[in-house]
C-alpha cells in the first residue's frame, strides 16, 4: 500500500512538473497582451495620444498617421472596465498625455466581464497573466493559459513556438494591421455580429450606469486631457440593421457624458459618408485603408481643437 501511494505521489509530481513546464512555455509565446504591455512600459512617458477600447479601435486607428506620438492600447472585445484598468496601471508614467480616445460602439455601455462569466469573459485571464489584473482567489480558471486547452489552441501554440513573432496581430504602435489575414472580406454577412451586439431591454441594463461611472472616472481623473468618445464608421449592412433604438440610446448616453464635461467630446462617425466599401474589412471593422482615413480625420480634428 505504501509503495502504491508512493508511486501515485511520484506520478502526481511528474504530471504537475509537466503541466507547469507547458504553462511556462505557452506564456513565453509573444501575444498581443504581453507585447502591448511591454511596449507601454517602454513608451508610456512619451505618449501624447492613447487609444483604448475594443476591436473597432484596435483595427480602426493607426497611430502612425498622427503627427504626435500615439499608441493604440485597444484589445479585441475589450470592455470599459479593462480599458480603465490599463489606463490606471500606466497612468503615473503618462507624463505627456494630451488625448485619450475611447471606442464607443453600440454595445459598449452594456458590456462588462466577471471572472468565470459567459461570452468573452474568458479573456480575463490574459489581463490577469500579462497585466496583473486582480481576480478572486478562488478563480482558478483565469490564472492559467492552459485553462483554455483545446485542439485549435494546441495547433496555434505549436505553430507559435516555431514563429519568432508568436501570436501577435499588432505592430509596434499597437495597431491591428492584419485583420484580413485571418478573416474573409465580407460586407454583407453581419447578422451574427448584430445578434451578439444587441442587448435585450437595453434601457434597463444594469451595466449602463456601471460603464457610465467608468467613463466619468476617466474624464474626471484627466481634466487636462482631451477625452474623445469615438463611434467608428460601419458599413450600411450593419448600420441599417442594428437595433435603432439601442443605437440612439448609446448616442444619447455618449452625448450626455460629453455635455457634462468641458474636456470631453463625442464623435459619432457611425454613418460617415466619407467611408466607402473599400474602407471596410467587414461590415463593422475598418480595413487598413479605412484606418488610415479615420486616423487622418482624427488627427486633423485634434489639431483644430488644440
Protein backbone atom coordinates (compact mmCIF):
# COMPACT_ATOMS: atom_id res chain seq x y z
CA UNK A 1 0.00 0.00 0.00
CA UNK A 2 2.80 2.39 0.89
CA UNK A 3 4.55 1.67 -2.38
CA UNK A 4 1.33 2.29 -4.28
CA UNK A 5 0.85 5.68 -2.58
CA UNK A 6 4.49 6.49 -3.24
CA UNK A 7 4.04 5.73 -6.95
CA UNK A 8 0.92 7.89 -7.04
CA UNK A 9 2.87 10.74 -5.43
CA UNK A 10 5.72 10.40 -7.95
CA UNK A 11 3.26 10.36 -10.84
CA UNK A 12 1.45 13.45 -9.49
CA UNK A 13 4.73 15.33 -9.09
CA UNK A 14 5.82 14.41 -12.63
CA UNK A 15 2.44 15.42 -14.01
CA UNK A 16 2.50 18.78 -12.21
CA UNK A 17 6.04 19.44 -13.44
CA UNK A 18 4.96 18.63 -17.00
CA UNK A 19 1.88 20.88 -16.81
CA UNK A 20 3.89 23.67 -15.18
CA UNK A 21 6.55 23.48 -17.89
CA UNK A 22 3.88 23.61 -20.60
CA UNK A 23 2.27 26.63 -18.93
CA UNK A 24 5.60 28.44 -18.80
CA UNK A 25 6.31 27.61 -22.45
CA UNK A 26 2.94 28.95 -23.57
CA UNK A 27 3.47 32.14 -21.58
CA UNK A 28 6.77 32.68 -23.38
CA UNK A 29 4.96 32.88 -26.71
CA UNK A 30 4.62 36.58 -27.62
CA UNK A 31 0.99 37.68 -27.85
CA UNK A 32 -0.83 40.99 -28.15
CA UNK A 33 -1.30 41.29 -24.39
CA UNK A 34 2.29 40.64 -23.39
CA UNK A 35 3.72 42.70 -26.27
CA UNK A 36 1.45 45.71 -25.72
CA UNK A 37 2.16 45.67 -22.01
CA UNK A 38 5.91 45.71 -22.68
CA UNK A 39 5.54 48.47 -25.27
CA UNK A 40 3.50 50.58 -22.85
CA UNK A 41 6.16 50.12 -20.19
CA UNK A 42 8.81 51.39 -22.60
CA UNK A 43 6.86 54.18 -24.31
CA UNK A 44 4.33 55.47 -21.79
CA UNK A 45 6.24 58.60 -20.78
CA UNK A 46 6.27 59.86 -24.39
CA UNK A 47 2.71 59.02 -25.39
CA UNK A 48 0.59 62.06 -26.21
CA UNK A 49 -2.41 60.24 -27.72
CA UNK A 50 -3.64 56.98 -26.19
CA UNK A 51 -6.34 54.84 -27.84
CA UNK A 52 -8.40 52.46 -25.72
CA UNK A 53 -11.25 50.09 -26.47
CA UNK A 54 -12.35 47.07 -28.46
CA UNK A 55 -11.58 45.67 -31.91
CA UNK A 56 -13.19 48.62 -33.72
CA UNK A 57 -10.49 50.80 -32.16
CA UNK A 58 -7.80 48.12 -32.46
CA UNK A 59 -8.29 47.82 -36.24
CA UNK A 60 -9.60 51.35 -36.76
CA UNK A 61 -6.90 53.74 -35.54
CA UNK A 62 -3.36 53.57 -36.90
CA UNK A 63 -1.12 55.79 -34.73
CA UNK A 64 1.44 56.26 -37.49
CA UNK A 65 -0.89 58.83 -39.10
CA UNK A 66 -0.99 61.12 -36.06
CA UNK A 67 1.56 63.90 -36.06
CA UNK A 68 2.10 63.37 -32.33
CA UNK A 69 3.36 60.29 -30.52
CA UNK A 70 0.43 57.89 -30.18
CA UNK A 71 -0.22 54.33 -29.11
CA UNK A 72 -3.18 52.02 -29.70
CA UNK A 73 -3.68 50.07 -26.48
CA UNK A 74 -7.01 48.53 -27.54
CA UNK A 75 -7.72 44.80 -27.48
CA UNK A 76 -10.35 42.64 -29.16
CA UNK A 77 -13.70 42.66 -27.29
CA UNK A 78 -12.30 44.83 -24.50
CA UNK A 79 -14.95 46.34 -22.19
CA UNK A 80 -14.52 49.71 -20.49
CA UNK A 81 -13.53 48.16 -17.17
CA UNK A 82 -10.39 46.70 -18.78
CA UNK A 83 -9.60 49.90 -20.67
CA UNK A 84 -9.77 51.79 -17.39
CA UNK A 85 -7.56 49.21 -15.70
CA UNK A 86 -4.86 49.54 -18.39
CA UNK A 87 -5.05 53.33 -18.20
CA UNK A 88 -4.77 53.30 -14.40
CA UNK A 89 -1.88 50.84 -14.49
CA UNK A 90 0.30 53.17 -16.56
CA UNK A 91 -1.28 56.46 -15.53
CA UNK A 92 1.51 57.63 -13.23
CA UNK A 93 4.01 57.49 -16.10
CA UNK A 94 1.86 59.09 -18.80
CA UNK A 95 3.56 62.44 -18.30
CA UNK A 96 3.00 63.71 -21.85
CA UNK A 97 -0.61 62.55 -22.28
CA UNK A 98 -2.81 65.07 -24.10
CA UNK A 99 -5.63 62.99 -25.58
CA UNK A 100 -7.44 59.75 -24.73
CA UNK A 101 -9.61 58.24 -27.47
CA UNK A 102 -12.12 55.64 -26.25
CA UNK A 103 -14.22 53.48 -28.55
CA UNK A 104 -17.95 53.90 -28.05
CA UNK A 105 -19.58 51.08 -30.00
CA UNK A 106 -23.31 50.41 -29.96
CA UNK A 107 -22.69 47.66 -27.41
CA UNK A 108 -20.09 49.41 -25.19
CA UNK A 109 -22.47 50.65 -22.43
CA UNK A 110 -23.88 47.16 -21.96
CA UNK A 111 -20.63 45.18 -21.89
CA UNK A 112 -18.81 44.00 -18.79
CA UNK A 113 -16.90 40.92 -17.66
CA UNK A 114 -16.96 38.99 -14.45
CA UNK A 115 -14.41 36.24 -13.61
CA UNK A 116 -15.79 32.92 -14.77
CA UNK A 117 -18.56 34.71 -16.66
CA UNK A 118 -20.06 33.95 -20.04
CA UNK A 119 -19.26 35.23 -23.51
CA UNK A 120 -15.88 36.91 -23.88
CA UNK A 121 -15.14 36.81 -20.14
CA UNK A 122 -12.61 34.02 -20.78
CA UNK A 123 -10.27 36.80 -21.92
CA UNK A 124 -9.91 37.97 -18.31
CA UNK A 125 -7.06 35.51 -17.90
CA UNK A 126 -4.96 37.47 -20.41
CA UNK A 127 -5.35 40.61 -18.34
CA UNK A 128 -4.54 38.75 -15.14
CA UNK A 129 -1.50 36.92 -16.53
CA UNK A 130 0.02 39.78 -18.54
CA UNK A 131 -1.35 42.97 -16.94
CA UNK A 132 -1.73 41.70 -13.34
CA UNK A 133 -5.47 42.31 -13.31
CA UNK A 134 -6.72 41.20 -9.85
CA UNK A 135 -9.09 38.25 -9.70
CA UNK A 136 -10.67 36.42 -6.72
CA UNK A 137 -8.51 33.80 -5.01
CA UNK A 138 -10.97 31.06 -5.95
CA UNK A 139 -10.86 31.88 -9.67
CA UNK A 140 -8.53 29.12 -10.83
CA UNK A 141 -9.64 29.09 -14.46
CA UNK A 142 -8.43 32.63 -15.16
CA UNK A 143 -4.96 32.05 -13.70
CA UNK A 144 -3.59 29.76 -16.41
CA UNK A 145 -3.17 29.80 -20.18
CA UNK A 146 -3.78 26.05 -20.24
CA UNK A 147 -7.26 26.53 -18.80
CA UNK A 148 -8.31 27.27 -22.38
CA UNK A 149 -6.89 23.99 -23.64
CA UNK A 150 -8.43 22.68 -26.86
CA UNK A 151 -7.31 21.25 -30.18
CA UNK A 152 -7.28 24.58 -32.03
CA UNK A 153 -5.18 26.23 -29.36
CA UNK A 154 -2.74 23.31 -29.32
CA UNK A 155 -2.18 23.74 -33.06
CA UNK A 156 -1.91 27.52 -32.65
CA UNK A 157 0.61 27.23 -29.80
CA UNK A 158 2.67 24.66 -31.70
CA UNK A 159 2.96 26.98 -34.73
CA UNK A 160 3.63 29.97 -32.50
CA UNK A 161 6.51 28.25 -30.71
CA UNK A 162 8.23 27.96 -34.10
CA UNK A 163 7.41 31.56 -35.05
CA UNK A 164 9.60 34.31 -33.53
CA UNK A 165 6.64 36.71 -33.73
CA UNK A 166 4.43 34.35 -31.73
CA UNK A 167 0.72 35.22 -31.73
CA UNK A 168 0.98 38.95 -32.32
CA UNK A 169 -1.50 40.67 -34.59
CA UNK A 170 -0.45 44.28 -33.97
CA UNK A 171 2.54 46.44 -34.85
CA UNK A 172 4.91 48.39 -32.60
CA UNK A 173 2.36 51.18 -32.23
CA UNK A 174 -0.40 48.79 -31.19
CA UNK A 175 -2.37 48.91 -34.45
CA UNK A 176 -4.07 45.68 -35.55
CA UNK A 177 -2.78 45.68 -39.11
CA UNK A 178 -3.62 42.20 -40.39
CA UNK A 179 -7.36 41.65 -39.94
CA UNK A 180 -7.81 40.30 -43.47
CA UNK A 181 -5.01 37.79 -42.97
CA UNK A 182 -7.30 35.91 -40.59
CA UNK A 183 -10.74 36.93 -41.88
CA UNK A 184 -12.51 36.98 -45.22
CA UNK A 185 -13.54 40.40 -46.51
CA UNK A 186 -17.31 40.39 -46.27
CA UNK A 187 -19.58 43.42 -46.07
CA UNK A 188 -22.90 41.57 -46.28
CA UNK A 189 -22.98 38.75 -43.71
CA UNK A 190 -23.12 40.52 -40.37
CA UNK A 191 -26.31 39.09 -38.88
CA UNK A 192 -24.40 37.02 -36.32
CA UNK A 193 -22.44 40.06 -35.17
CA UNK A 194 -25.60 42.14 -34.92
CA UNK A 195 -27.22 39.42 -32.82
CA UNK A 196 -24.24 39.37 -30.43
CA UNK A 197 -24.13 43.17 -30.29
CA UNK A 198 -27.83 43.51 -29.49
CA UNK A 199 -28.90 43.83 -25.85
CA UNK A 200 -32.46 42.92 -24.86
CA UNK A 201 -34.12 45.59 -22.68
CA UNK A 202 -31.04 47.77 -23.25
CA UNK A 203 -32.51 50.75 -21.40
CA UNK A 204 -32.81 48.63 -18.25
CA UNK A 205 -29.36 47.07 -18.40
CA UNK A 206 -27.60 47.39 -15.00
CA UNK A 207 -24.29 47.72 -16.84
CA UNK A 208 -25.19 51.13 -18.29
CA UNK A 209 -24.71 53.00 -15.02
CA UNK A 210 -21.60 50.97 -14.22
CA UNK A 211 -19.98 51.89 -17.55
CA UNK A 212 -21.16 55.50 -17.31
CA UNK A 213 -19.33 55.77 -13.98
CA UNK A 214 -16.17 54.30 -15.51
CA UNK A 215 -16.19 56.96 -18.23
CA UNK A 216 -16.87 59.70 -15.70
CA UNK A 217 -13.99 58.48 -13.54
CA UNK A 218 -11.61 58.51 -16.51
CA UNK A 219 -12.69 62.02 -17.53
CA UNK A 220 -12.54 63.45 -14.01
CA UNK A 221 -9.12 61.89 -13.37
CA UNK A 222 -7.70 63.54 -16.52
CA UNK A 223 -9.08 67.11 -16.50
CA UNK A 224 -6.18 68.42 -18.59
CA UNK A 225 -6.51 65.82 -21.36
CA UNK A 226 -8.98 65.79 -24.23
CA UNK A 227 -11.26 62.76 -23.90
CA UNK A 228 -12.76 61.66 -27.21
CA UNK A 229 -15.61 59.15 -27.20
CA UNK A 230 -15.46 57.71 -30.71
CA UNK A 231 -18.09 55.72 -32.56
CA UNK A 232 -16.20 54.38 -35.56
CA UNK A 233 -17.70 54.11 -39.07
CA UNK A 234 -19.58 50.96 -40.06
CA UNK A 235 -20.90 49.75 -43.42
CA UNK A 236 -24.56 50.16 -44.33
CA UNK A 237 -25.42 46.46 -43.92
CA UNK A 238 -24.54 46.93 -40.25
CA UNK A 239 -25.80 50.47 -39.61
CA UNK A 240 -29.18 49.80 -41.25
CA UNK A 241 -29.85 46.52 -39.48
CA UNK A 242 -28.74 47.10 -35.89
CA UNK A 243 -31.40 47.81 -33.31
CA UNK A 244 -32.03 51.51 -34.00
CA UNK A 245 -33.44 52.07 -30.53
CA UNK A 246 -30.28 50.70 -28.94
CA UNK A 247 -28.14 52.72 -31.31
CA UNK A 248 -29.87 56.01 -30.46
CA UNK A 249 -29.78 55.15 -26.77
CA UNK A 250 -25.99 54.78 -26.92
CA UNK A 251 -25.71 58.05 -28.85
CA UNK A 252 -27.84 59.73 -26.17
CA UNK A 253 -25.66 58.39 -23.33
CA UNK A 254 -22.47 59.44 -25.12
CA UNK A 255 -23.78 62.94 -25.80
CA UNK A 256 -24.92 63.35 -22.19
CA UNK A 257 -21.47 62.45 -20.88
CA UNK A 258 -19.73 64.74 -23.37
CA UNK A 259 -22.07 67.63 -22.47
CA UNK A 260 -21.27 67.12 -18.80
CA UNK A 261 -17.53 67.81 -19.18
CA UNK A 262 -15.66 70.57 -20.98
CA UNK A 263 -12.75 68.27 -21.87
CA UNK A 264 -14.93 65.51 -23.36
CA UNK A 265 -16.16 65.31 -26.96
CA UNK A 266 -18.38 62.71 -28.59
CA UNK A 267 -17.51 61.98 -32.23
CA UNK A 268 -20.18 59.93 -33.94
CA UNK A 269 -18.91 58.69 -37.31
CA UNK A 270 -21.20 55.65 -37.40
CA UNK A 271 -22.66 56.52 -40.84
CA UNK A 272 -19.96 58.85 -42.10
CA UNK A 273 -20.36 59.13 -45.89
CA UNK A 274 -16.62 59.65 -46.44
CA UNK A 275 -16.09 55.91 -45.95
CA UNK A 276 -16.75 53.60 -48.90
CA UNK A 277 -16.86 49.82 -49.19
CA UNK A 278 -13.10 49.58 -49.73
CA UNK A 279 -12.56 51.22 -46.35
CA UNK A 280 -14.05 48.22 -44.58
CA UNK A 281 -12.66 44.77 -43.83
CA UNK A 282 -16.16 43.67 -42.90
CA UNK A 283 -19.40 45.44 -42.05
CA UNK A 284 -18.17 46.77 -38.69
CA UNK A 285 -14.34 46.77 -38.89
CA UNK A 286 -12.26 49.14 -40.97
CA UNK A 287 -9.62 47.91 -43.40
CA UNK A 288 -6.08 49.30 -43.29
CA UNK A 289 -7.13 51.91 -45.86
CA UNK A 290 -10.13 52.81 -43.72
CA UNK A 291 -7.98 53.02 -40.59
CA UNK A 292 -5.63 55.36 -42.43
CA UNK A 293 -8.57 57.58 -43.44
CA UNK A 294 -10.12 57.60 -39.95
CA UNK A 295 -6.82 58.37 -38.22
CA UNK A 296 -6.13 61.27 -40.58
CA UNK A 297 -9.63 62.63 -39.83
CA UNK A 298 -8.95 62.33 -36.10
CA UNK A 299 -5.52 63.91 -36.47
CA UNK A 300 -6.96 66.93 -38.30
CA UNK A 301 -9.68 67.26 -35.66
CA UNK A 302 -7.18 67.14 -32.78
CA UNK A 303 -5.01 69.72 -34.49
CA UNK A 304 -8.04 72.03 -34.77
CA UNK A 305 -9.12 71.77 -31.12
CA UNK A 306 -5.58 72.11 -29.78
